[in-house]
Amino acid sequence: MITSVVAVVVLVLGIVETLTNFQWVQGDQDPLFGDPRILLNDGETTLVAAGLLIIGSVIMWLLARRRGQGDQQKS
């Protein structure tokens, strides 16, 4: 549940930074996964991080739900 809340907060921050056209400062460019050809601003980097957190959160929710259904079938 904590991961879901953090993912939503990071997603909101990324959307706000992207919609407000957060401008790059000299030297404030973030390469995507270390690839210098793909440069992202801070808002886009935050959206990538939020996407990864959401994927991880969904996987954890699905695994927890599956484990919960297995426990119910045993009783």
PDB file of N, CA and C in Angstrom:
ATOM      1  N   MET A   1       0.819  -1.181   0.000  1.00  0.00           N
ATOM      2  CA  MET A   1       0.000   0.000   0.000  1.00  0.00           C
ATOM      3  C   MET A   1       0.871   1.255   0.000  1.00  0.00           C
ATOM      4  N   ILE A   2       1.970   1.198   0.716  1.00  0.00           N
ATOM      5  CA  ILE A   2       2.885   2.341   0.771  1.00  0.00           C
ATOM      6  C   ILE A   2       3.457   2.628  -0.608  1.00  0.00           C
ATOM      7  N   THR A   3       3.815   1.589  -1.344  1.00  0.00           N
ATOM      8  CA  THR A   3       4.358   1.777  -2.684  1.00  0.00           C
ATOM      9  C   THR A   3       3.332   2.436  -3.599  1.00  0.00           C
ATOM     10  N   SER A   4       2.075   2.077  -3.452  1.00  0.00           N
ATOM     11  CA  SER A   4       1.018   2.685  -4.265  1.00  0.00           C
ATOM     12  C   SER A   4       0.884   4.173  -3.966  1.00  0.00           C
ATOM     13  N   VAL A   5       0.918   4.537  -2.704  1.00  0.00           N
ATOM     14  CA  VAL A   5       0.807   5.941  -2.314  1.00  0.00           C
ATOM     15  C   VAL A   5       2.004   6.733  -2.839  1.00  0.00           C
ATOM     16  N   VAL A   6       3.198   6.190  -2.692  1.00  0.00           N
ATOM     17  CA  VAL A   6       4.397   6.867  -3.186  1.00  0.00           C
ATOM     18  C   VAL A   6       4.332   7.010  -4.706  1.00  0.00           C
ATOM     19  N   ALA A   7       3.860   5.982  -5.401  1.00  0.00           N
ATOM     20  CA  ALA A   7       3.749   6.037  -6.859  1.00  0.00           C
ATOM     21  C   ALA A   7       2.799   7.151  -7.289  1.00  0.00           C
ATOM     22  N   VAL A   8       1.682   7.291  -6.602  1.00  0.00           N
ATOM     23  CA  VAL A   8       0.718   8.335  -6.950  1.00  0.00           C
ATOM     24  C   VAL A   8       1.305   9.723  -6.692  1.00  0.00           C
ATOM     25  N   VAL A   9       2.002   9.888  -5.572  1.00  0.00           N
ATOM     26  CA  VAL A   9       2.614  11.181  -5.257  1.00  0.00           C
ATOM     27  C   VAL A   9       3.664  11.541  -6.305  1.00  0.00           C
ATOM     28  N   VAL A  10       4.505  10.593  -6.676  1.00  0.00           N
ATOM     29  CA  VAL A  10       5.540  10.844  -7.682  1.00  0.00           C
ATOM     30  C   VAL A  10       4.894  11.136  -9.037  1.00  0.00           C
ATOM     31  N   LEU A  11       3.816  10.441  -9.368  1.00  0.00           N
ATOM     32  CA  LEU A  11       3.106  10.684 -10.617  1.00  0.00           C
ATOM     33  C   LEU A  11       2.542  12.104 -10.663  1.00  0.00           C
ATOM     34  N   VAL A  12       1.931  12.546  -9.575  1.00  0.00           N
ATOM     35  CA  VAL A  12       1.385  13.904  -9.518  1.00  0.00           C
ATOM     36  C   VAL A  12       2.504  14.938  -9.665  1.00  0.00           C
ATOM     37  N   LEU A  13       3.619  14.733  -8.986  1.00  0.00           N
ATOM     38  CA  LEU A  13       4.745  15.660  -9.109  1.00  0.00           C
ATOM     39  C   LEU A  13       5.266  15.715 -10.543  1.00  0.00           C
ATOM     40  N   GLY A  14       5.366  14.558 -11.185  1.00  0.00           N
ATOM     41  CA  GLY A  14       5.830  14.520 -12.571  1.00  0.00           C
ATOM     42  C   GLY A  14       4.879  15.225 -13.509  1.00  0.00           C
ATOM     43  N   ILE A  15       3.578  15.040 -13.304  1.00  0.00           N
ATOM     44  CA  ILE A  15       2.594  15.704 -14.154  1.00  0.00           C
ATOM     45  C   ILE A  15       2.654  17.218 -13.967  1.00  0.00           C
ATOM     46  N   VAL A  16       2.772  17.663 -12.716  1.00  0.00           N
ATOM     47  CA  VAL A  16       2.852  19.103 -12.449  1.00  0.00           C
ATOM     48  C   VAL A  16       4.098  19.696 -13.102  1.00  0.00           C
ATOM     49  N   GLU A  17       5.241  19.055 -12.962  1.00  0.00           N
ATOM     50  CA  GLU A  17       6.469  19.577 -13.564  1.00  0.00           C
ATOM     51  C   GLU A  17       6.386  19.581 -15.081  1.00  0.00           C
ATOM     52  N   THR A  18       5.763  18.561 -15.670  1.00  0.00           N
ATOM     53  CA  THR A  18       5.654  18.492 -17.122  1.00  0.00           C
ATOM     54  C   THR A  18       4.679  19.543 -17.640  1.00  0.00           C
ATOM     55  N   LEU A  19       3.529  19.702 -16.979  1.00  0.00           N
ATOM     56  CA  LEU A  19       2.529  20.664 -17.436  1.00  0.00           C
ATOM     57  C   LEU A  19       2.976  22.116 -17.259  1.00  0.00           C
ATOM     58  N   THR A  20       3.809  22.378 -16.273  1.00  0.00           N
ATOM     59  CA  THR A  20       4.296  23.743 -16.061  1.00  0.00           C
ATOM     60  C   THR A  20       5.527  24.037 -16.898  1.00  0.00           C
ATOM     61  N   ASN A  21       5.884  23.101 -17.780  1.00  0.00           N
ATOM     62  CA  ASN A  21       7.049  23.281 -18.671  1.00  0.00           C
ATOM     63  C   ASN A  21       8.297  23.654 -17.889  1.00  0.00           C
ATOM     64  N   PHE A  22       8.597  22.857 -16.897  1.00  0.00           N
ATOM     65  CA  PHE A  22       9.788  23.068 -16.084  1.00  0.00           C
ATOM     66  C   PHE A  22      10.992  23.159 -17.009  1.00  0.00           C
ATOM     67  N   GLN A  23      11.688  24.285 -16.986  1.00  0.00           N
ATOM     68  CA  GLN A  23      12.787  24.528 -17.927  1.00  0.00           C
ATOM     69  C   GLN A  23      14.094  23.935 -17.432  1.00  0.00           C
ATOM     70  N   TRP A  24      14.888  23.480 -18.378  1.00  0.00           N
ATOM     71  CA  TRP A  24      16.201  22.948 -18.048  1.00  0.00           C
ATOM     72  C   TRP A  24      17.130  24.071 -17.636  1.00  0.00           C
ATOM     73  N   VAL A  25      17.937  23.783 -16.666  1.00  0.00           N
ATOM     74  CA  VAL A  25      19.004  24.681 -16.263  1.00  0.00           C
ATOM     75  C   VAL A  25      20.268  24.132 -16.913  1.00  0.00           C
ATOM     76  N   GLN A  26      21.233  24.973 -17.156  1.00  0.00           N
ATOM     77  CA  GLN A  26      22.479  24.510 -17.773  1.00  0.00           C
ATOM     78  C   GLN A  26      23.060  23.341 -16.983  1.00  0.00           C
ATOM     79  N   GLY A  27      23.226  22.203 -17.629  1.00  0.00           N
ATOM     80  CA  GLY A  27      23.791  21.025 -16.989  1.00  0.00           C
ATOM     81  C   GLY A  27      22.763  20.197 -16.235  1.00  0.00           C
ATOM     82  N   ASP A  28      21.478  20.566 -16.296  1.00  0.00           N
ATOM     83  CA  ASP A  28      20.434  19.846 -15.569  1.00  0.00           C
ATOM     84  C   ASP A  28      19.635  18.972 -16.531  1.00  0.00           C
ATOM     85  N   GLN A  29      20.322  18.090 -17.204  1.00  0.00           N
ATOM     86  CA  GLN A  29      19.674  17.180 -18.127  1.00  0.00           C
ATOM     87  C   GLN A  29      19.918  15.762 -17.641  1.00  0.00           C
ATOM     88  N   ASP A  30      18.864  14.958 -17.658  1.00  0.00           N
ATOM     89  CA  ASP A  30      18.949  13.610 -17.139  1.00  0.00           C
ATOM     90  C   ASP A  30      18.920  12.606 -18.288  1.00  0.00           C
ATOM     91  N   PRO A  31      20.013  11.858 -18.503  1.00  0.00           N
ATOM     92  CA  PRO A  31      19.970  10.828 -19.543  1.00  0.00           C
ATOM     93  C   PRO A  31      19.132   9.643 -19.073  1.00  0.00           C
ATOM     94  N   LEU A  32      18.310   9.112 -19.974  1.00  0.00           N
ATOM     95  CA  LEU A  32      17.455   7.978 -19.641  1.00  0.00           C
ATOM     96  C   LEU A  32      18.306   6.721 -19.543  1.00  0.00           C
ATOM     97  N   PHE A  33      18.370   6.132 -18.379  1.00  0.00           N
ATOM     98  CA  PHE A  33      19.133   4.918 -18.101  1.00  0.00           C
ATOM     99  C   PHE A  33      20.589   5.036 -18.556  1.00  0.00           C
ATOM    100  N   GLY A  34      21.155   6.242 -18.453  1.00  0.00           N
ATOM    101  CA  GLY A  34      22.563   6.444 -18.769  1.00  0.00           C
ATOM    102  C   GLY A  34      22.866   6.627 -20.243  1.00  0.00           C
ATOM    103  N   ASP A  35      21.852   6.646 -21.103  1.00  0.00           N
ATOM    104  CA  ASP A  35      22.058   6.825 -22.538  1.00  0.00           C
ATOM    105  C   ASP A  35      22.132   8.324 -22.839  1.00  0.00           C
ATOM    106  N   PRO A  36      23.304   8.841 -23.202  1.00  0.00           N
ATOM    107  CA  PRO A  36      23.446  10.289 -23.399  1.00  0.00           C
ATOM    108  C   PRO A  36      22.679  10.810 -24.617  1.00  0.00           C
ATOM    109  N   ARG A  37      22.190   9.934 -25.473  1.00  0.00           N
ATOM    110  CA  ARG A  37      21.432  10.390 -26.638  1.00  0.00           C
ATOM    111  C   ARG A  37      19.989  10.718 -26.296  1.00  0.00           C
ATOM    112  N   ILE A  38      19.474  10.180 -25.175  1.00  0.00           N
ATOM    113  CA  ILE A  38      18.089  10.420 -24.772  1.00  0.00           C
ATOM    114  C   ILE A  38      18.102  11.265 -23.503  1.00  0.00           C
ATOM    115  N   LEU A  39      17.887  12.567 -23.664  1.00  0.00           N
ATOM    116  CA  LEU A  39      17.899  13.476 -22.530  1.00  0.00           C
ATOM    117  C   LEU A  39      16.470  13.855 -22.152  1.00  0.00           C
ATOM    118  N   LEU A  40      16.175  13.811 -20.872  1.00  0.00           N
ATOM    119  CA  LEU A  40      14.859  14.139 -20.356  1.00  0.00           C
ATOM    120  C   LEU A  40      14.972  15.266 -19.348  1.00  0.00           C
ATOM    121  N   ASN A  41      13.903  16.065 -19.243  1.00  0.00           N
ATOM    122  CA  ASN A  41      13.904  17.057 -18.175  1.00  0.00           C
ATOM    123  C   ASN A  41      13.429  16.387 -16.887  1.00  0.00           C
ATOM    124  N   ASP A  42      13.378  17.152 -15.818  1.00  0.00           N
ATOM    125  CA  ASP A  42      13.050  16.569 -14.506  1.00  0.00           C
ATOM    126  C   ASP A  42      11.631  16.007 -14.462  1.00  0.00           C
ATOM    127  N   GLY A  43      10.677  16.671 -15.107  1.00  0.00           N
ATOM    128  CA  GLY A  43       9.302  16.182 -15.106  1.00  0.00           C
ATOM    129  C   GLY A  43       9.173  14.843 -15.805  1.00  0.00           C
ATOM    130  N   GLU A  44       9.841  14.694 -16.947  1.00  0.00           N
ATOM    131  CA  GLU A  44       9.786  13.434 -17.685  1.00  0.00           C
ATOM    132  C   GLU A  44      10.490  12.314 -16.931  1.00  0.00           C
ATOM    133  N   THR A  45      11.592  12.640 -16.289  1.00  0.00           N
ATOM    134  CA  THR A  45      12.296  11.645 -15.489  1.00  0.00           C
ATOM    135  C   THR A  45      11.414  11.175 -14.330  1.00  0.00           C
ATOM    136  N   THR A  46      10.701  12.104 -13.709  1.00  0.00           N
ATOM    137  CA  THR A  46       9.805  11.762 -12.622  1.00  0.00           C
ATOM    138  C   THR A  46       8.657  10.886 -13.119  1.00  0.00           C
ATOM    139  N   LEU A  47       8.152  11.157 -14.325  1.00  0.00           N
ATOM    140  CA  LEU A  47       7.084  10.323 -14.888  1.00  0.00           C
ATOM    141  C   LEU A  47       7.576   8.901 -15.175  1.00  0.00           C
ATOM    142  N   VAL A  48       8.819   8.762 -15.621  1.00  0.00           N
ATOM    143  CA  VAL A  48       9.384   7.429 -15.850  1.00  0.00           C
ATOM    144  C   VAL A  48       9.482   6.679 -14.521  1.00  0.00           C
ATOM    145  N   ALA A  49       9.967   7.364 -13.487  1.00  0.00           N
ATOM    146  CA  ALA A  49      10.076   6.738 -12.166  1.00  0.00           C
ATOM    147  C   ALA A  49       8.696   6.359 -11.631  1.00  0.00           C
ATOM    148  N   ALA A  50       7.703   7.220 -11.839  1.00  0.00           N
ATOM    149  CA  ALA A  50       6.346   6.922 -11.379  1.00  0.00           C
ATOM    150  C   ALA A  50       5.787   5.709 -12.117  1.00  0.00           C
ATOM    151  N   GLY A  51       6.051   5.622 -13.409  1.00  0.00           N
ATOM    152  CA  GLY A  51       5.589   4.467 -14.174  1.00  0.00           C
ATOM    153  C   GLY A  51       6.177   3.169 -13.658  1.00  0.00           C
ATOM    154  N   LEU A  52       7.467   3.188 -13.356  1.00  0.00           N
ATOM    155  CA  LEU A  52       8.111   1.988 -12.815  1.00  0.00           C
ATOM    156  C   LEU A  52       7.545   1.627 -11.443  1.00  0.00           C
ATOM    157  N   LEU A  53       7.287   2.641 -10.613  1.00  0.00           N
ATOM    158  CA  LEU A  53       6.692   2.386  -9.295  1.00  0.00           C
ATOM    159  C   LEU A  53       5.280   1.824  -9.426  1.00  0.00           C
ATOM    160  N   ILE A  54       4.516   2.342 -10.377  1.00  0.00           N
ATOM    161  CA  ILE A  54       3.147   1.843 -10.571  1.00  0.00           C
ATOM    162  C   ILE A  54       3.173   0.399 -11.044  1.00  0.00           C
ATOM    163  N   ILE A  55       4.065   0.078 -11.966  1.00  0.00           N
ATOM    164  CA  ILE A  55       4.183  -1.309 -12.431  1.00  0.00           C
ATOM    165  C   ILE A  55       4.532  -2.226 -11.265  1.00  0.00           C
ATOM    166  N   GLY A  56       5.506  -1.822 -10.446  1.00  0.00           N
ATOM    167  CA  GLY A  56       5.877  -2.623  -9.284  1.00  0.00           C
ATOM    168  C   GLY A  56       4.740  -2.764  -8.298  1.00  0.00           C
ATOM    169  N   SER A  57       3.990  -1.696  -8.095  1.00  0.00           N
ATOM    170  CA  SER A  57       2.861  -1.737  -7.168  1.00  0.00           C
ATOM    171  C   SER A  57       1.771  -2.677  -7.667  1.00  0.00           C
ATOM    172  N   VAL A  58       1.475  -2.620  -8.960  1.00  0.00           N
ATOM    173  CA  VAL A  58       0.455  -3.507  -9.526  1.00  0.00           C
ATOM    174  C   VAL A  58       0.880  -4.965  -9.389  1.00  0.00           C
ATOM    175  N   ILE A  59       2.140  -5.241  -9.649  1.00  0.00           N
ATOM    176  CA  ILE A  59       2.632  -6.613  -9.514  1.00  0.00           C
ATOM    177  C   ILE A  59       2.499  -7.089  -8.067  1.00  0.00           C
ATOM    178  N   MET A  60       2.858  -6.224  -7.110  1.00  0.00           N
ATOM    179  CA  MET A  60       2.736  -6.609  -5.703  1.00  0.00           C
ATOM    180  C   MET A  60       1.284  -6.835  -5.303  1.00  0.00           C
ATOM    181  N   TRP A  61       0.366  -5.974  -5.781  1.00  0.00           N
ATOM    182  CA  TRP A  61      -1.050  -6.149  -5.474  1.00  0.00           C
ATOM    183  C   TRP A  61      -1.563  -7.463  -6.054  1.00  0.00           C
ATOM    184  N   LEU A  62      -1.170  -7.774  -7.288  1.00  0.00           N
ATOM    185  CA  LEU A  62      -1.622  -9.022  -7.913  1.00  0.00           C
ATOM    186  C   LEU A  62      -1.092 -10.248  -7.171  1.00  0.00           C
ATOM    187  N   LEU A  63       0.171 -10.204  -6.771  1.00  0.00           N
ATOM    188  CA  LEU A  63       0.742 -11.329  -6.029  1.00  0.00           C
ATOM    189  C   LEU A  63       0.078 -11.484  -4.663  1.00  0.00           C
ATOM    190  N   ALA A  64      -0.199 -10.369  -4.005  1.00  0.00           N
ATOM    191  CA  ALA A  64      -0.867 -10.445  -2.699  1.00  0.00           C
ATOM    192  C   ALA A  64      -2.290 -10.965  -2.842  1.00  0.00           C
ATOM    193  N   ARG A  65      -2.961 -10.543  -3.878  1.00  0.00           N
ATOM    194  CA  ARG A  65      -4.332 -11.017  -4.101  1.00  0.00           C
ATOM    195  C   ARG A  65      -4.344 -12.501  -4.429  1.00  0.00           C
ATOM    196  N   ARG A  66      -3.385 -12.926  -5.246  1.00  0.00           N
ATOM    197  CA  ARG A  66      -3.298 -14.344  -5.603  1.00  0.00           C
ATOM    198  C   ARG A  66      -2.995 -15.190  -4.370  1.00  0.00           C
ATOM    199  N   ARG A  67      -2.075 -14.719  -3.532  1.00  0.00           N
ATOM    200  CA  ARG A  67      -1.742 -15.441  -2.310  1.00  0.00           C
ATOM    201  C   ARG A  67      -2.942 -15.486  -1.379  1.00  0.00           C
ATOM    202  N   GLY A  68      -3.718 -14.399  -1.318  1.00  0.00           N
ATOM    203  CA  GLY A  68      -4.908 -14.363  -0.469  1.00  0.00           C
ATOM    204  C   GLY A  68      -5.970 -15.326  -0.943  1.00  0.00           C
ATOM    205  N   GLN A  69      -6.135 -15.507  -2.243  1.00  0.00           N
ATOM    206  CA  GLN A  69      -7.103 -16.445  -2.771  1.00  0.00           C
ATOM    207  C   GLN A  69      -6.670 -17.882  -2.474  1.00  0.00           C
ATOM    208  N   GLY A  70      -5.377 -18.148  -2.506  1.00  0.00           N
ATOM    209  CA  GLY A  70      -4.878 -19.487  -2.189  1.00  0.00           C
ATOM    210  C   GLY A  70      -5.136 -19.852  -0.737  1.00  0.00           C
ATOM    211  N   ASP A  71      -5.015 -18.881   0.168  1.00  0.00           N
ATOM    212  CA  ASP A  71      -5.284 -19.126   1.584  1.00  0.00           C
ATOM    213  C   ASP A  71      -6.760 -19.398   1.824  1.00  0.00           C
ATOM    214  N   GLN A  72      -7.633 -18.712   1.078  1.00  0.00           N
ATOM    215  CA  GLN A  72      -9.063 -18.920   1.246  1.00  0.00           C
ATOM    216  C   GLN A  72      -9.492 -20.284   0.758  1.00  0.00           C
ATOM    217  N   GLN A  73      -8.854 -20.797  -0.264  1.00  0.00           N
ATOM    218  CA  GLN A  73      -9.224 -22.103  -0.800  1.00  0.00           C
ATOM    219  C   GLN A  73      -8.842 -23.219   0.167  1.00  0.00           C
ATOM    220  N   LYS A  74      -7.795 -23.041   0.944  1.00  0.00           N
ATOM    221  CA  LYS A  74      -7.363 -24.069   1.892  1.00  0.00           C
ATOM    222  C   LYS A  74      -8.321 -24.192   3.061  1.00  0.00           C
ATOM    223  N   SER A  75      -8.984 -23.090   3.459  1.00  0.00           N
ATOM    224  CA  SER A  75      -9.852 -23.149   4.643  1.00  0.00           C
ATOM    225  C   SER A  75     -11.262 -23.529   4.316  1.00  0.00           C
TER     226      SER A  75
END
